[in-house]
């Protein structure tokens, strides 16, 4: 399935957003948005994600806590196809303000 640039751009990511990878069960928090310049594509953004196995731990004595980087476009596509679920802090703020 092909997704348009507009569909991808509609997904807004923020520091503090929580993501759930349905394939692995890992839960992550978006912590830093990092800009890189690609010689052919221009600006490319990556997100540092702090991962944990909060949904179902493989080893309850040693929960996974790892940081890693995901290309923003890849993360947005994962959200669009349903592999990753996004819990946005901005949406939570809107709901708590009664909007």
PDB file of N, CA and C in Angstrom:
ATOM      1  N   UNK A   1       0.836  -1.173   0.000  1.00  0.00           N
ATOM      2  CA  UNK A   1       0.000   0.000   0.000  1.00  0.00           C
ATOM      3  C   UNK A   1       0.887   1.245   0.000  1.00  0.00           C
ATOM      4  N   UNK A   2       0.532   2.215  -0.821  1.00  0.00           N
ATOM      5  CA  UNK A   2       1.297   3.458  -0.904  1.00  0.00           C
ATOM      6  C   UNK A   2       0.616   4.543  -0.083  1.00  0.00           C
ATOM      7  N   UNK A   3       1.409   5.295   0.648  1.00  0.00           N
ATOM      8  CA  UNK A   3       0.894   6.404   1.440  1.00  0.00           C
ATOM      9  C   UNK A   3       1.440   7.702   0.872  1.00  0.00           C
ATOM     10  N   UNK A   4       0.588   8.712   0.828  1.00  0.00           N
ATOM     11  CA  UNK A   4       1.004   9.996   0.267  1.00  0.00           C
ATOM     12  C   UNK A   4       1.828  10.783   1.286  1.00  0.00           C
ATOM     13  N   UNK A   5       2.547  11.729   0.757  1.00  0.00           N
ATOM     14  CA  UNK A   5       3.352  12.628   1.597  1.00  0.00           C
ATOM     15  C   UNK A   5       2.445  13.369   2.585  1.00  0.00           C
ATOM     16  N   UNK A   6       1.238  13.745   2.123  1.00  0.00           N
ATOM     17  CA  UNK A   6       0.297  14.461   2.989  1.00  0.00           C
ATOM     18  C   UNK A   6      -0.139  13.615   4.177  1.00  0.00           C
ATOM     19  N   UNK A   7      -0.389  12.317   3.957  1.00  0.00           N
ATOM     20  CA  UNK A   7      -0.782  11.424   5.053  1.00  0.00           C
ATOM     21  C   UNK A   7       0.335  11.309   6.088  1.00  0.00           C
ATOM     22  N   UNK A   8       1.554  11.208   5.593  1.00  0.00           N
ATOM     23  CA  UNK A   8       2.712  11.104   6.490  1.00  0.00           C
ATOM     24  C   UNK A   8       2.882  12.391   7.281  1.00  0.00           C
ATOM     25  N   UNK A   9       2.732  13.546   6.626  1.00  0.00           N
ATOM     26  CA  UNK A   9       2.931  14.837   7.285  1.00  0.00           C
ATOM     27  C   UNK A   9       1.840  15.151   8.306  1.00  0.00           C
ATOM     28  N   UNK A  10       0.676  14.514   8.207  1.00  0.00           N
ATOM     29  CA  UNK A  10      -0.404  14.752   9.173  1.00  0.00           C
ATOM     30  C   UNK A  10      -0.071  14.198  10.554  1.00  0.00           C
ATOM     31  N   UNK A  11       0.853  13.255  10.623  1.00  0.00           N
ATOM     32  CA  UNK A  11       1.242  12.676  11.908  1.00  0.00           C
ATOM     33  C   UNK A  11       2.253  13.608  12.565  1.00  0.00           C
ATOM     34  N   UNK A  12       1.881  14.132  13.710  1.00  0.00           N
ATOM     35  CA  UNK A  12       2.740  15.057  14.446  1.00  0.00           C
ATOM     36  C   UNK A  12       3.335  14.317  15.641  1.00  0.00           C
ATOM     37  N   UNK A  13       4.651  14.355  15.739  1.00  0.00           N
ATOM     38  CA  UNK A  13       5.361  13.698  16.833  1.00  0.00           C
ATOM     39  C   UNK A  13       5.939  14.759  17.760  1.00  0.00           C
ATOM     40  N   UNK A  14       5.913  14.471  19.056  1.00  0.00           N
ATOM     41  CA  UNK A  14       6.403  15.418  20.060  1.00  0.00           C
ATOM     42  C   UNK A  14       7.290  14.701  21.062  1.00  0.00           C
ATOM     43  N   UNK A  15       8.224  15.455  21.630  1.00  0.00           N
ATOM     44  CA  UNK A  15       9.011  14.928  22.743  1.00  0.00           C
ATOM     45  C   UNK A  15       8.024  14.548  23.850  1.00  0.00           C
ATOM     46  N   UNK A  16       8.179  13.345  24.394  1.00  0.00           N
ATOM     47  CA  UNK A  16       7.293  12.866  25.450  1.00  0.00           C
ATOM     48  C   UNK A  16       6.193  11.949  24.956  1.00  0.00           C
ATOM     49  N   UNK A  17       5.964  11.892  23.639  1.00  0.00           N
ATOM     50  CA  UNK A  17       4.969  10.968  23.096  1.00  0.00           C
ATOM     51  C   UNK A  17       5.381   9.540  23.411  1.00  0.00           C
ATOM     52  N   UNK A  18       4.388   8.692  23.611  1.00  0.00           N
ATOM     53  CA  UNK A  18       4.636   7.283  23.883  1.00  0.00           C
ATOM     54  C   UNK A  18       4.268   6.490  22.642  1.00  0.00           C
ATOM     55  N   UNK A  19       5.139   5.526  22.283  1.00  0.00           N
ATOM     56  CA  UNK A  19       4.839   4.642  21.164  1.00  0.00           C
ATOM     57  C   UNK A  19       4.884   3.197  21.649  1.00  0.00           C
ATOM     58  N   UNK A  20       4.038   2.376  21.035  1.00  0.00           N
ATOM     59  CA  UNK A  20       4.011   0.951  21.344  1.00  0.00           C
ATOM     60  C   UNK A  20       4.260   0.201  20.048  1.00  0.00           C
ATOM     61  N   UNK A  21       5.302  -0.626  20.028  1.00  0.00           N
ATOM     62  CA  UNK A  21       5.619  -1.458  18.877  1.00  0.00           C
ATOM     63  C   UNK A  21       4.857  -2.770  19.060  1.00  0.00           C
ATOM     64  N   UNK A  22       3.817  -2.967  18.254  1.00  0.00           N
ATOM     65  CA  UNK A  22       2.965  -4.148  18.405  1.00  0.00           C
ATOM     66  C   UNK A  22       3.665  -5.442  18.009  1.00  0.00           C
ATOM     67  N   UNK A  23       4.714  -5.353  17.222  1.00  0.00           N
ATOM     68  CA  UNK A  23       5.450  -6.546  16.817  1.00  0.00           C
ATOM     69  C   UNK A  23       6.279  -7.109  17.977  1.00  0.00           C
ATOM     70  N   UNK A  24       6.902  -6.235  18.755  1.00  0.00           N
ATOM     71  CA  UNK A  24       7.786  -6.678  19.831  1.00  0.00           C
ATOM     72  C   UNK A  24       7.174  -6.531  21.220  1.00  0.00           C
ATOM     73  N   UNK A  25       6.158  -5.675  21.342  1.00  0.00           N
ATOM     74  CA  UNK A  25       5.580  -5.381  22.647  1.00  0.00           C
ATOM     75  C   UNK A  25       6.329  -4.315  23.406  1.00  0.00           C
ATOM     76  N   UNK A  26       7.360  -3.747  22.826  1.00  0.00           N
ATOM     77  CA  UNK A  26       8.143  -2.711  23.498  1.00  0.00           C
ATOM     78  C   UNK A  26       7.361  -1.402  23.544  1.00  0.00           C
ATOM     79  N   UNK A  27       7.562  -0.676  24.617  1.00  0.00           N
ATOM     80  CA  UNK A  27       6.977   0.647  24.786  1.00  0.00           C
ATOM     81  C   UNK A  27       8.135   1.635  24.790  1.00  0.00           C
ATOM     82  N   UNK A  28       7.980   2.736  24.058  1.00  0.00           N
ATOM     83  CA  UNK A  28       9.045   3.729  23.982  1.00  0.00           C
ATOM     84  C   UNK A  28       8.528   5.132  24.197  1.00  0.00           C
ATOM     85  N   UNK A  29       9.416   6.000  24.633  1.00  0.00           N
ATOM     86  CA  UNK A  29       9.114   7.421  24.802  1.00  0.00           C
ATOM     87  C   UNK A  29      10.036   8.192  23.863  1.00  0.00           C
ATOM     88  N   UNK A  30       9.434   9.089  23.069  1.00  0.00           N
ATOM     89  CA  UNK A  30      10.233   9.924  22.173  1.00  0.00           C
ATOM     90  C   UNK A  30      10.940  10.975  23.016  1.00  0.00           C
ATOM     91  N   UNK A  31      12.278  10.999  22.969  1.00  0.00           N
ATOM     92  CA  UNK A  31      13.000  11.891  23.868  1.00  0.00           C
ATOM     93  C   UNK A  31      13.718  13.048  23.172  1.00  0.00           C
ATOM     94  N   UNK A  32      14.247  12.819  21.983  1.00  0.00           N
ATOM     95  CA  UNK A  32      14.984  13.873  21.283  1.00  0.00           C
ATOM     96  C   UNK A  32      14.713  13.756  19.783  1.00  0.00           C
ATOM     97  N   UNK A  33      14.447  14.900  19.130  1.00  0.00           N
ATOM     98  CA  UNK A  33      14.341  14.944  17.665  1.00  0.00           C
ATOM     99  C   UNK A  33      15.657  15.505  17.151  1.00  0.00           C
ATOM    100  N   UNK A  34      16.306  14.745  16.280  1.00  0.00           N
ATOM    101  CA  UNK A  34      17.645  15.087  15.820  1.00  0.00           C
ATOM    102  C   UNK A  34      17.628  15.304  14.308  1.00  0.00           C
ATOM    103  N   UNK A  35      18.164  16.426  13.858  1.00  0.00           N
ATOM    104  CA  UNK A  35      18.196  16.772  12.437  1.00  0.00           C
ATOM    105  C   UNK A  35      19.550  16.410  11.836  1.00  0.00           C
ATOM    106  N   UNK A  36      19.489  15.746  10.679  1.00  0.00           N
ATOM    107  CA  UNK A  36      20.691  15.446   9.900  1.00  0.00           C
ATOM    108  C   UNK A  36      20.473  15.978   8.491  1.00  0.00           C
ATOM    109  N   UNK A  37      21.548  16.310   7.839  1.00  0.00           N
ATOM    110  CA  UNK A  37      21.443  16.785   6.461  1.00  0.00           C
ATOM    111  C   UNK A  37      21.974  15.710   5.533  1.00  0.00           C
ATOM    112  N   UNK A  38      21.102  15.254   4.641  1.00  0.00           N
ATOM    113  CA  UNK A  38      21.453  14.248   3.643  1.00  0.00           C
ATOM    114  C   UNK A  38      21.760  14.979   2.343  1.00  0.00           C
ATOM    115  N   UNK A  39      22.811  14.577   1.675  1.00  0.00           N
ATOM    116  CA  UNK A  39      23.260  15.277   0.466  1.00  0.00           C
ATOM    117  C   UNK A  39      22.224  15.233  -0.656  1.00  0.00           C
ATOM    118  N   UNK A  40      21.409  14.165  -0.699  1.00  0.00           N
ATOM    119  CA  UNK A  40      20.409  14.055  -1.761  1.00  0.00           C
ATOM    120  C   UNK A  40      18.995  14.406  -1.302  1.00  0.00           C
ATOM    121  N   UNK A  41      18.676  14.182  -0.025  1.00  0.00           N
ATOM    122  CA  UNK A  41      17.310  14.394   0.453  1.00  0.00           C
ATOM    123  C   UNK A  41      17.134  15.675   1.261  1.00  0.00           C
ATOM    124  N   UNK A  42      18.217  16.347   1.604  1.00  0.00           N
ATOM    125  CA  UNK A  42      18.111  17.547   2.429  1.00  0.00           C
ATOM    126  C   UNK A  42      17.980  17.176   3.896  1.00  0.00           C
ATOM    127  N   UNK A  43      17.067  17.850   4.599  1.00  0.00           N
ATOM    128  CA  UNK A  43      16.882  17.589   6.025  1.00  0.00           C
ATOM    129  C   UNK A  43      16.229  16.227   6.251  1.00  0.00           C
ATOM    130  N   UNK A  44      16.824  15.448   7.125  1.00  0.00           N
ATOM    131  CA  UNK A  44      16.288  14.156   7.535  1.00  0.00           C
ATOM    132  C   UNK A  44      16.265  14.176   9.058  1.00  0.00           C
ATOM    133  N   UNK A  45      15.138  13.758   9.628  1.00  0.00           N
ATOM    134  CA  UNK A  45      14.987  13.794  11.084  1.00  0.00           C
ATOM    135  C   UNK A  45      14.952  12.393  11.665  1.00  0.00           C
ATOM    136  N   UNK A  46      15.547  12.259  12.841  1.00  0.00           N
ATOM    137  CA  UNK A  46      15.562  11.010  13.590  1.00  0.00           C
ATOM    138  C   UNK A  46      15.031  11.297  14.984  1.00  0.00           C
ATOM    139  N   UNK A  47      14.409  10.294  15.590  1.00  0.00           N
ATOM    140  CA  UNK A  47      13.941  10.394  16.968  1.00  0.00           C
ATOM    141  C   UNK A  47      14.717   9.435  17.839  1.00  0.00           C
ATOM    142  N   UNK A  48      15.198   9.951  18.980  1.00  0.00           N
ATOM    143  CA  UNK A  48      15.756   9.051  19.975  1.00  0.00           C
ATOM    144  C   UNK A  48      14.566   8.506  20.753  1.00  0.00           C
ATOM    145  N   UNK A  49      14.527   7.186  20.875  1.00  0.00           N
ATOM    146  CA  UNK A  49      13.444   6.519  21.594  1.00  0.00           C
ATOM    147  C   UNK A  49      14.057   5.774  22.774  1.00  0.00           C
ATOM    148  N   UNK A  50      13.488   5.970  23.941  1.00  0.00           N
ATOM    149  CA  UNK A  50      13.900   5.219  25.135  1.00  0.00           C
ATOM    150  C   UNK A  50      12.908   4.077  25.295  1.00  0.00           C
ATOM    151  N   UNK A  51      13.389   2.867  25.007  1.00  0.00           N
ATOM    152  CA  UNK A  51      12.540   1.675  24.979  1.00  0.00           C
ATOM    153  C   UNK A  51      12.525   0.966  26.323  1.00  0.00           C
ATOM    154  N   UNK A  52      11.394   0.346  26.611  1.00  0.00           N
ATOM    155  CA  UNK A  52      11.250  -0.507  27.776  1.00  0.00           C
ATOM    156  C   UNK A  52      10.283  -1.632  27.416  1.00  0.00           C
ATOM    157  N   UNK A  53      10.347  -2.738  28.111  1.00  0.00           N
ATOM    158  CA  UNK A  53       9.442  -3.858  27.835  1.00  0.00           C
ATOM    159  C   UNK A  53       8.279  -3.854  28.818  1.00  0.00           C
ATOM    160  N   UNK A  54       7.657  -2.711  28.987  1.00  0.00           N
ATOM    161  CA  UNK A  54       6.608  -2.571  29.996  1.00  0.00           C
ATOM    162  C   UNK A  54       5.366  -3.412  29.691  1.00  0.00           C
ATOM    163  N   UNK A  55       5.049  -3.705  28.437  1.00  0.00           N
ATOM    164  CA  UNK A  55       3.831  -4.452  28.130  1.00  0.00           C
ATOM    165  C   UNK A  55       3.912  -5.909  28.553  1.00  0.00           C
ATOM    166  N   UNK A  56       4.935  -6.590  28.123  1.00  0.00           N
ATOM    167  CA  UNK A  56       5.139  -7.963  28.580  1.00  0.00           C
ATOM    168  C   UNK A  56       6.632  -8.223  28.638  1.00  0.00           C
ATOM    169  N   UNK A  57       7.147  -8.297  29.850  1.00  0.00           N
ATOM    170  CA  UNK A  57       8.581  -8.429  30.067  1.00  0.00           C
ATOM    171  C   UNK A  57       9.028  -9.858  29.839  1.00  0.00           C
ATOM    172  N   UNK A  58      10.134  -9.999  29.148  1.00  0.00           N
ATOM    173  CA  UNK A  58      10.691 -11.316  28.907  1.00  0.00           C
ATOM    174  C   UNK A  58      11.437 -11.829  30.144  1.00  0.00           C
ATOM    175  N   UNK A  59      12.075 -10.921  30.862  1.00  0.00           N
ATOM    176  CA  UNK A  59      12.816 -11.272  32.071  1.00  0.00           C
ATOM    177  C   UNK A  59      12.451 -10.246  33.136  1.00  0.00           C
ATOM    178  N   UNK A  60      11.563 -10.630  34.035  1.00  0.00           N
ATOM    179  CA  UNK A  60      11.046  -9.678  35.019  1.00  0.00           C
ATOM    180  C   UNK A  60      12.134  -9.138  35.941  1.00  0.00           C
ATOM    181  N   UNK A  61      13.241  -9.861  36.077  1.00  0.00           N
ATOM    182  CA  UNK A  61      14.319  -9.385  36.935  1.00  0.00           C
ATOM    183  C   UNK A  61      15.111  -8.267  36.267  1.00  0.00           C
ATOM    184  N   UNK A  62      15.209  -8.297  34.938  1.00  0.00           N
ATOM    185  CA  UNK A  62      16.001  -7.316  34.197  1.00  0.00           C
ATOM    186  C   UNK A  62      15.176  -6.760  33.049  1.00  0.00           C
ATOM    187  N   UNK A  63      14.308  -5.770  33.299  1.00  0.00           N
ATOM    188  CA  UNK A  63      13.550  -5.194  32.189  1.00  0.00           C
ATOM    189  C   UNK A  63      14.482  -4.456  31.226  1.00  0.00           C
ATOM    190  N   UNK A  64      14.143  -4.510  29.959  1.00  0.00           N
ATOM    191  CA  UNK A  64      14.930  -3.841  28.931  1.00  0.00           C
ATOM    192  C   UNK A  64      14.747  -2.341  29.043  1.00  0.00           C
ATOM    193  N   UNK A  65      15.834  -1.609  29.046  1.00  0.00           N
ATOM    194  CA  UNK A  65      15.791  -0.156  28.979  1.00  0.00           C
ATOM    195  C   UNK A  65      16.927   0.279  28.065  1.00  0.00           C
ATOM    196  N   UNK A  66      16.558   0.558  26.835  1.00  0.00           N
ATOM    197  CA  UNK A  66      17.537   0.850  25.794  1.00  0.00           C
ATOM    198  C   UNK A  66      17.108   2.111  25.055  1.00  0.00           C
ATOM    199  N   UNK A  67      18.066   2.895  24.623  1.00  0.00           N
ATOM    200  CA  UNK A  67      17.788   4.032  23.749  1.00  0.00           C
ATOM    201  C   UNK A  67      18.232   3.678  22.340  1.00  0.00           C
ATOM    202  N   UNK A  68      17.491   4.138  21.377  1.00  0.00           N
ATOM    203  CA  UNK A  68      17.843   3.914  19.984  1.00  0.00           C
ATOM    204  C   UNK A  68      17.266   5.028  19.133  1.00  0.00           C
ATOM    205  N   UNK A  69      17.669   5.077  17.878  1.00  0.00           N
ATOM    206  CA  UNK A  69      17.194   6.113  16.967  1.00  0.00           C
ATOM    207  C   UNK A  69      16.356   5.493  15.859  1.00  0.00           C
ATOM    208  N   UNK A  70      15.272   6.194  15.499  1.00  0.00           N
ATOM    209  CA  UNK A  70      14.401   5.791  14.394  1.00  0.00           C
ATOM    210  C   UNK A  70      14.245   6.989  13.473  1.00  0.00           C
ATOM    211  N   UNK A  71      14.362   6.739  12.190  1.00  0.00           N
ATOM    212  CA  UNK A  71      14.129   7.797  11.212  1.00  0.00           C
ATOM    213  C   UNK A  71      12.657   8.213  11.310  1.00  0.00           C
ATOM    214  N   UNK A  72      12.408   9.516  11.333  1.00  0.00           N
ATOM    215  CA  UNK A  72      11.055  10.037  11.526  1.00  0.00           C
ATOM    216  C   UNK A  72      10.071   9.500  10.487  1.00  0.00           C
ATOM    217  N   UNK A  73      10.456   9.485   9.241  1.00  0.00           N
ATOM    218  CA  UNK A  73       9.566   9.019   8.181  1.00  0.00           C
ATOM    219  C   UNK A  73       9.212   7.543   8.372  1.00  0.00           C
ATOM    220  N   UNK A  74      10.176   6.735   8.784  1.00  0.00           N
ATOM    221  CA  UNK A  74       9.944   5.314   9.038  1.00  0.00           C
ATOM    222  C   UNK A  74       8.970   5.131  10.200  1.00  0.00           C
ATOM    223  N   UNK A  75       9.146   5.915  11.256  1.00  0.00           N
ATOM    224  CA  UNK A  75       8.253   5.842  12.411  1.00  0.00           C
ATOM    225  C   UNK A  75       6.836   6.231  12.010  1.00  0.00           C
ATOM    226  N   UNK A  76       6.693   7.287  11.232  1.00  0.00           N
ATOM    227  CA  UNK A  76       5.364   7.720  10.797  1.00  0.00           C
ATOM    228  C   UNK A  76       4.700   6.660   9.927  1.00  0.00           C
ATOM    229  N   UNK A  77       5.455   6.026   9.035  1.00  0.00           N
ATOM    230  CA  UNK A  77       4.894   4.945   8.212  1.00  0.00           C
ATOM    231  C   UNK A  77       4.458   3.765   9.076  1.00  0.00           C
ATOM    232  N   UNK A  78       5.239   3.441  10.094  1.00  0.00           N
ATOM    233  CA  UNK A  78       4.874   2.359  11.012  1.00  0.00           C
ATOM    234  C   UNK A  78       3.571   2.671  11.733  1.00  0.00           C
ATOM    235  N   UNK A  79       3.368   3.932  12.060  1.00  0.00           N
ATOM    236  CA  UNK A  79       2.125   4.358  12.700  1.00  0.00           C
ATOM    237  C   UNK A  79       0.961   4.243  11.722  1.00  0.00           C
ATOM    238  N   UNK A  80       1.176   4.674  10.474  1.00  0.00           N
ATOM    239  CA  UNK A  80       0.122   4.604   9.461  1.00  0.00           C
ATOM    240  C   UNK A  80      -0.340   3.172   9.191  1.00  0.00           C
ATOM    241  N   UNK A  81       0.585   2.233   9.140  1.00  0.00           N
ATOM    242  CA  UNK A  81       0.210   0.857   8.815  1.00  0.00           C
ATOM    243  C   UNK A  81      -0.268   0.073  10.039  1.00  0.00           C
ATOM    244  N   UNK A  82      -0.157   0.674  11.214  1.00  0.00           N
ATOM    245  CA  UNK A  82      -0.655   0.024  12.417  1.00  0.00           C
ATOM    246  C   UNK A  82       0.347  -0.843  13.149  1.00  0.00           C
ATOM    247  N   UNK A  83       1.592  -0.858  12.701  1.00  0.00           N
ATOM    248  CA  UNK A  83       2.630  -1.626  13.400  1.00  0.00           C
ATOM    249  C   UNK A  83       2.994  -0.960  14.721  1.00  0.00           C
ATOM    250  N   UNK A  84       2.938   0.361  14.732  1.00  0.00           N
ATOM    251  CA  UNK A  84       3.269   1.142  15.919  1.00  0.00           C
ATOM    252  C   UNK A  84       2.067   2.009  16.269  1.00  0.00           C
ATOM    253  N   UNK A  85       1.784   2.095  17.555  1.00  0.00           N
ATOM    254  CA  UNK A  85       0.687   2.927  18.022  1.00  0.00           C
ATOM    255  C   UNK A  85       1.265   4.145  18.727  1.00  0.00           C
ATOM    256  N   UNK A  86       0.676   5.295  18.466  1.00  0.00           N
ATOM    257  CA  UNK A  86       1.148   6.561  19.015  1.00  0.00           C
ATOM    258  C   UNK A  86       0.172   7.079  20.060  1.00  0.00           C
ATOM    259  N   UNK A  87       0.696   7.442  21.219  1.00  0.00           N
ATOM    260  CA  UNK A  87      -0.068   8.115  22.267  1.00  0.00           C
ATOM    261  C   UNK A  87       0.576   9.481  22.443  1.00  0.00           C
ATOM    262  N   UNK A  88      -0.059  10.488  21.849  1.00  0.00           N
ATOM    263  CA  UNK A  88       0.527  11.825  21.804  1.00  0.00           C
ATOM    264  C   UNK A  88       0.234  12.612  23.075  1.00  0.00           C
ATOM    265  N   UNK A  89       1.258  13.276  23.600  1.00  0.00           N
ATOM    266  CA  UNK A  89       1.041  14.130  24.768  1.00  0.00           C
ATOM    267  C   UNK A  89       0.221  15.354  24.390  1.00  0.00           C
ATOM    268  N   UNK A  90       0.285  15.781  23.144  1.00  0.00           N
ATOM    269  CA  UNK A  90      -0.494  16.933  22.703  1.00  0.00           C
ATOM    270  C   UNK A  90      -1.983  16.612  22.717  1.00  0.00           C
ATOM    271  N   UNK A  91      -2.371  15.407  22.287  1.00  0.00           N
ATOM    272  CA  UNK A  91      -3.767  15.002  22.333  1.00  0.00           C
ATOM    273  C   UNK A  91      -4.246  14.922  23.764  1.00  0.00           C
ATOM    274  N   UNK A  92      -3.402  14.405  24.657  1.00  0.00           N
ATOM    275  CA  UNK A  92      -3.756  14.322  26.071  1.00  0.00           C
ATOM    276  C   UNK A  92      -3.953  15.718  26.656  1.00  0.00           C
ATOM    277  N   UNK A  93      -3.093  16.658  26.272  1.00  0.00           N
ATOM    278  CA  UNK A  93      -3.227  18.039  26.761  1.00  0.00           C
ATOM    279  C   UNK A  93      -4.522  18.665  26.279  1.00  0.00           C
ATOM    280  N   UNK A  94      -4.914  18.415  25.023  1.00  0.00           N
ATOM    281  CA  UNK A  94      -6.160  18.937  24.486  1.00  0.00           C
ATOM    282  C   UNK A  94      -7.358  18.375  25.248  1.00  0.00           C
ATOM    283  N   UNK A  95      -7.337  17.052  25.543  1.00  0.00           N
ATOM    284  CA  UNK A  95      -8.445  16.443  26.261  1.00  0.00           C
ATOM    285  C   UNK A  95      -8.539  16.963  27.689  1.00  0.00           C
ATOM    286  N   UNK A  96      -7.411  17.185  28.329  1.00  0.00           N
ATOM    287  CA  UNK A  96      -7.434  17.645  29.722  1.00  0.00           C
ATOM    288  C   UNK A  96      -7.875  19.099  29.827  1.00  0.00           C
ATOM    289  N   UNK A  97      -7.735  19.862  28.733  1.00  0.00           N
ATOM    290  CA  UNK A  97      -8.189  21.248  28.743  1.00  0.00           C
ATOM    291  C   UNK A  97      -9.661  21.391  28.349  1.00  0.00           C
ATOM    292  N   UNK A  98     -10.279  20.249  27.995  1.00  0.00           N
ATOM    293  CA  UNK A  98     -11.697  20.265  27.656  1.00  0.00           C
ATOM    294  C   UNK A  98     -11.996  20.646  26.223  1.00  0.00           C
ATOM    295  N   UNK A  99     -11.009  20.568  25.340  1.00  0.00           N
ATOM    296  CA  UNK A  99     -11.229  20.902  23.922  1.00  0.00           C
ATOM    297  C   UNK A  99     -11.760  19.721  23.165  1.00  0.00           C
TER     298      UNK A  99
END
